[in-house]
Every structure is written in C-alpha cells, then in structure tokens.
Amino acid sequence: MAFAESVIKQAWERSGGQCECRRRTHSHFYIPCGKSLRWEVRGKSSYGAWEAHQTKSGGGEGLDNCEILCWSCYDTVY
C-alpha cells in the first residue's frame, strides 16, 4: 500500500519533522522517538532519513493510519 503524497505531507507536518515511533519494543513507548528528520532524505539510508509507515495493517490509506518513522525505527519494523 502506498500513501498519497498529500497524506504523507500532512503526516510530515503533524510530526514536526520528527520520528513518531512509540513502539514498546523500541523502548520509547510513552515518549515518541523524536529523532530529527529531513524531508529530502525520505527512503534513503543517511542522516535524517525517514519513511511513511502504516500504523495498522489493513487500516487504510488515510492520515490516521500514516506515521512518520526515522530510518532506524522503520527498519526494525520489517
């Protein structure tokens, strides 16, 4: 599933350019990861890299199912 660019932009704005990960397995459940991200390095393995990810499998393609994750949090989801 791919999010529309408009949904990704809205999620990015909501995140304030920071990782939104709250996974218990990543040891930051109560406080989001918060790593600073850079818009131009989406999907790349470099400083500030990130990707949009669905919060629930089969949860749709809307903003409520889209989260912004730093590359290390995104990489450990898969």
N, C-alpha and C. Protein backbone atom coordinates (compact mmCIF):
# COMPACT_ATOMS: atom_id res chain seq x y z
N MET A 1 0.84 -1.17 0.00
CA MET A 1 0.00 0.00 0.00
C MET A 1 0.89 1.24 0.00
N ALA A 2 0.49 2.20 -0.79
CA ALA A 2 1.23 3.45 -0.85
C ALA A 2 0.30 4.60 -0.47
N PHE A 3 0.80 5.49 0.37
CA PHE A 3 0.03 6.67 0.74
C PHE A 3 0.13 7.71 -0.36
N ALA A 4 -0.94 8.48 -0.53
CA ALA A 4 -0.91 9.61 -1.46
C ALA A 4 0.09 10.64 -0.93
N GLU A 5 0.70 11.36 -1.83
CA GLU A 5 1.68 12.38 -1.44
C GLU A 5 1.06 13.41 -0.49
N SER A 6 -0.20 13.73 -0.69
CA SER A 6 -0.86 14.71 0.18
C SER A 6 -0.98 14.19 1.61
N VAL A 7 -1.23 12.90 1.77
CA VAL A 7 -1.31 12.29 3.10
C VAL A 7 0.07 12.31 3.76
N ILE A 8 1.09 11.99 3.00
CA ILE A 8 2.45 11.99 3.55
C ILE A 8 2.84 13.40 4.00
N LYS A 9 2.50 14.39 3.21
CA LYS A 9 2.81 15.78 3.58
C LYS A 9 2.08 16.18 4.86
N GLN A 10 0.83 15.78 4.99
CA GLN A 10 0.07 16.08 6.21
C GLN A 10 0.68 15.39 7.42
N ALA A 11 1.08 14.13 7.25
CA ALA A 11 1.71 13.39 8.35
C ALA A 11 3.04 14.03 8.72
N TRP A 12 3.79 14.47 7.72
CA TRP A 12 5.07 15.15 7.96
C TRP A 12 4.86 16.42 8.77
N GLU A 13 3.87 17.20 8.39
CA GLU A 13 3.56 18.43 9.12
C GLU A 13 3.15 18.13 10.56
N ARG A 14 2.33 17.10 10.73
CA ARG A 14 1.90 16.70 12.07
C ARG A 14 3.09 16.31 12.93
N SER A 15 4.05 15.61 12.32
CA SER A 15 5.21 15.11 13.07
C SER A 15 6.19 16.21 13.44
N GLY A 16 6.11 17.34 12.76
CA GLY A 16 7.07 18.41 13.01
C GLY A 16 8.48 18.03 12.58
N GLY A 17 8.58 17.09 11.64
CA GLY A 17 9.89 16.66 11.17
C GLY A 17 10.64 15.77 12.15
N GLN A 18 9.86 15.06 12.99
CA GLN A 18 10.46 14.15 13.98
C GLN A 18 9.79 12.79 13.90
N CYS A 19 10.55 11.77 14.27
CA CYS A 19 10.05 10.40 14.29
C CYS A 19 8.90 10.28 15.29
N GLU A 20 7.80 9.64 14.84
CA GLU A 20 6.62 9.47 15.68
C GLU A 20 6.54 8.11 16.35
N CYS A 21 7.56 7.28 16.22
CA CYS A 21 7.53 5.92 16.74
C CYS A 21 7.28 5.88 18.25
N ARG A 22 6.34 5.02 18.66
CA ARG A 22 6.04 4.80 20.07
C ARG A 22 6.00 3.29 20.40
N ARG A 23 6.72 2.50 19.66
CA ARG A 23 6.67 1.06 19.87
C ARG A 23 7.37 0.66 21.16
N ARG A 24 6.72 -0.20 21.91
CA ARG A 24 7.29 -0.68 23.18
C ARG A 24 8.61 -1.41 22.94
N THR A 25 8.68 -2.11 21.85
CA THR A 25 9.90 -2.87 21.54
C THR A 25 11.07 -1.96 21.20
N HIS A 26 10.82 -0.68 20.98
CA HIS A 26 11.88 0.27 20.66
C HIS A 26 12.23 1.12 21.88
N SER A 27 11.69 0.81 23.01
CA SER A 27 11.95 1.45 24.30
C SER A 27 11.58 2.93 24.37
N HIS A 28 10.66 3.36 23.54
CA HIS A 28 10.16 4.73 23.66
C HIS A 28 8.65 4.75 23.47
N PHE A 29 7.96 3.99 24.28
CA PHE A 29 6.51 3.86 24.18
C PHE A 29 5.79 5.11 24.65
N TYR A 30 6.14 5.62 25.79
CA TYR A 30 5.43 6.77 26.35
C TYR A 30 5.85 8.09 25.72
N ILE A 31 7.07 8.15 25.24
CA ILE A 31 7.59 9.35 24.59
C ILE A 31 8.02 8.95 23.19
N PRO A 32 7.57 9.67 22.16
CA PRO A 32 7.97 9.31 20.80
C PRO A 32 9.50 9.34 20.63
N CYS A 33 9.99 8.59 19.68
CA CYS A 33 11.42 8.54 19.38
C CYS A 33 11.97 9.96 19.26
N GLY A 34 11.35 10.78 18.42
CA GLY A 34 11.71 12.19 18.34
C GLY A 34 12.95 12.54 17.55
N LYS A 35 13.57 11.58 16.87
CA LYS A 35 14.75 11.93 16.06
C LYS A 35 14.38 12.98 15.02
N SER A 36 15.26 13.92 14.81
CA SER A 36 15.05 14.95 13.79
C SER A 36 15.25 14.34 12.41
N LEU A 37 14.36 14.68 11.51
CA LEU A 37 14.36 14.13 10.17
C LEU A 37 14.47 15.25 9.14
N ARG A 38 14.88 14.87 7.93
CA ARG A 38 14.98 15.84 6.84
C ARG A 38 14.11 15.37 5.68
N TRP A 39 13.26 16.25 5.22
CA TRP A 39 12.29 15.92 4.15
C TRP A 39 12.98 15.30 2.93
N GLU A 40 14.11 15.85 2.53
CA GLU A 40 14.74 15.44 1.28
C GLU A 40 15.40 14.06 1.32
N VAL A 41 15.49 13.42 2.46
CA VAL A 41 16.13 12.10 2.50
C VAL A 41 15.14 10.98 2.82
N ARG A 42 13.91 11.16 2.40
CA ARG A 42 12.91 10.09 2.56
C ARG A 42 13.35 8.85 1.80
N GLY A 43 13.29 7.70 2.48
CA GLY A 43 13.60 6.42 1.85
C GLY A 43 15.06 6.15 1.59
N LYS A 44 15.92 6.97 2.13
CA LYS A 44 17.35 6.79 1.91
C LYS A 44 18.03 6.47 3.24
N SER A 45 19.09 5.75 3.18
CA SER A 45 19.84 5.42 4.38
C SER A 45 20.93 6.47 4.60
N SER A 46 20.54 7.56 5.26
CA SER A 46 21.51 8.60 5.58
C SER A 46 20.99 9.38 6.77
N TYR A 47 21.76 10.35 7.24
CA TYR A 47 21.38 11.15 8.39
C TYR A 47 20.03 11.84 8.13
N GLY A 48 19.10 11.69 9.06
CA GLY A 48 17.79 12.31 8.95
C GLY A 48 16.82 11.57 8.06
N ALA A 49 17.18 10.35 7.66
CA ALA A 49 16.34 9.56 6.76
C ALA A 49 15.05 9.12 7.46
N TRP A 50 14.00 8.91 6.67
CA TRP A 50 12.70 8.54 7.23
C TRP A 50 11.85 7.89 6.15
N GLU A 51 10.71 7.35 6.61
CA GLU A 51 9.74 6.78 5.69
C GLU A 51 8.36 6.85 6.33
N ALA A 52 7.35 6.94 5.51
CA ALA A 52 5.96 6.89 5.98
C ALA A 52 5.59 5.42 6.14
N HIS A 53 4.86 5.12 7.19
CA HIS A 53 4.53 3.73 7.52
C HIS A 53 3.10 3.66 8.02
N GLN A 54 2.42 2.57 7.72
CA GLN A 54 1.05 2.40 8.21
C GLN A 54 1.07 1.95 9.67
N THR A 55 0.20 2.53 10.47
CA THR A 55 0.15 2.17 11.89
C THR A 55 -0.55 0.84 12.11
N LYS A 56 -1.55 0.52 11.25
CA LYS A 56 -2.28 -0.74 11.35
C LYS A 56 -2.34 -1.38 9.98
N SER A 57 -1.97 -2.63 9.89
CA SER A 57 -2.07 -3.34 8.64
C SER A 57 -3.54 -3.41 8.23
N GLY A 58 -3.82 -3.04 7.01
CA GLY A 58 -5.20 -3.04 6.54
C GLY A 58 -6.02 -1.88 7.07
N GLY A 59 -5.36 -0.89 7.64
CA GLY A 59 -6.06 0.24 8.25
C GLY A 59 -6.39 1.37 7.30
N GLY A 60 -6.14 1.19 6.04
CA GLY A 60 -6.47 2.22 5.07
C GLY A 60 -5.30 3.10 4.71
N GLU A 61 -5.60 4.07 3.85
CA GLU A 61 -4.57 4.94 3.30
C GLU A 61 -4.73 6.38 3.76
N GLY A 62 -5.46 6.59 4.86
CA GLY A 62 -5.69 7.94 5.36
C GLY A 62 -4.63 8.39 6.36
N LEU A 63 -4.72 9.64 6.72
CA LEU A 63 -3.77 10.24 7.65
C LEU A 63 -3.75 9.53 9.00
N ASP A 64 -4.90 9.05 9.45
CA ASP A 64 -4.96 8.38 10.76
C ASP A 64 -4.21 7.05 10.78
N ASN A 65 -3.83 6.53 9.62
CA ASN A 65 -3.09 5.28 9.56
C ASN A 65 -1.65 5.49 9.07
N CYS A 66 -1.22 6.72 9.00
CA CYS A 66 0.11 7.04 8.49
C CYS A 66 0.96 7.63 9.60
N GLU A 67 2.16 7.09 9.78
CA GLU A 67 3.09 7.65 10.76
C GLU A 67 4.43 7.87 10.08
N ILE A 68 5.16 8.82 10.59
CA ILE A 68 6.49 9.14 10.08
C ILE A 68 7.52 8.50 11.01
N LEU A 69 8.37 7.65 10.44
CA LEU A 69 9.38 6.93 11.23
C LEU A 69 10.78 7.22 10.73
N CYS A 70 11.71 7.42 11.67
CA CYS A 70 13.11 7.54 11.28
C CYS A 70 13.55 6.21 10.66
N TRP A 71 14.64 6.25 9.96
CA TRP A 71 15.08 5.06 9.24
C TRP A 71 15.34 3.89 10.19
N SER A 72 15.93 4.13 11.35
CA SER A 72 16.23 3.01 12.24
C SER A 72 14.94 2.41 12.81
N CYS A 73 13.95 3.21 13.16
CA CYS A 73 12.68 2.67 13.65
C CYS A 73 11.94 1.95 12.53
N TYR A 74 11.92 2.53 11.33
CA TYR A 74 11.28 1.92 10.19
C TYR A 74 11.92 0.59 9.84
N ASP A 75 13.25 0.55 9.88
CA ASP A 75 14.00 -0.65 9.52
C ASP A 75 13.72 -1.80 10.49
N THR A 76 13.50 -1.50 11.75
CA THR A 76 13.25 -2.56 12.73
C THR A 76 11.80 -3.02 12.75
N VAL A 77 10.91 -2.30 12.07
CA VAL A 77 9.52 -2.74 11.94
C VAL A 77 9.46 -3.92 10.98
N TYR A 78 10.32 -3.94 9.98
CA TYR A 78 10.32 -5.02 8.99
C TYR A 78 11.34 -6.02 9.32
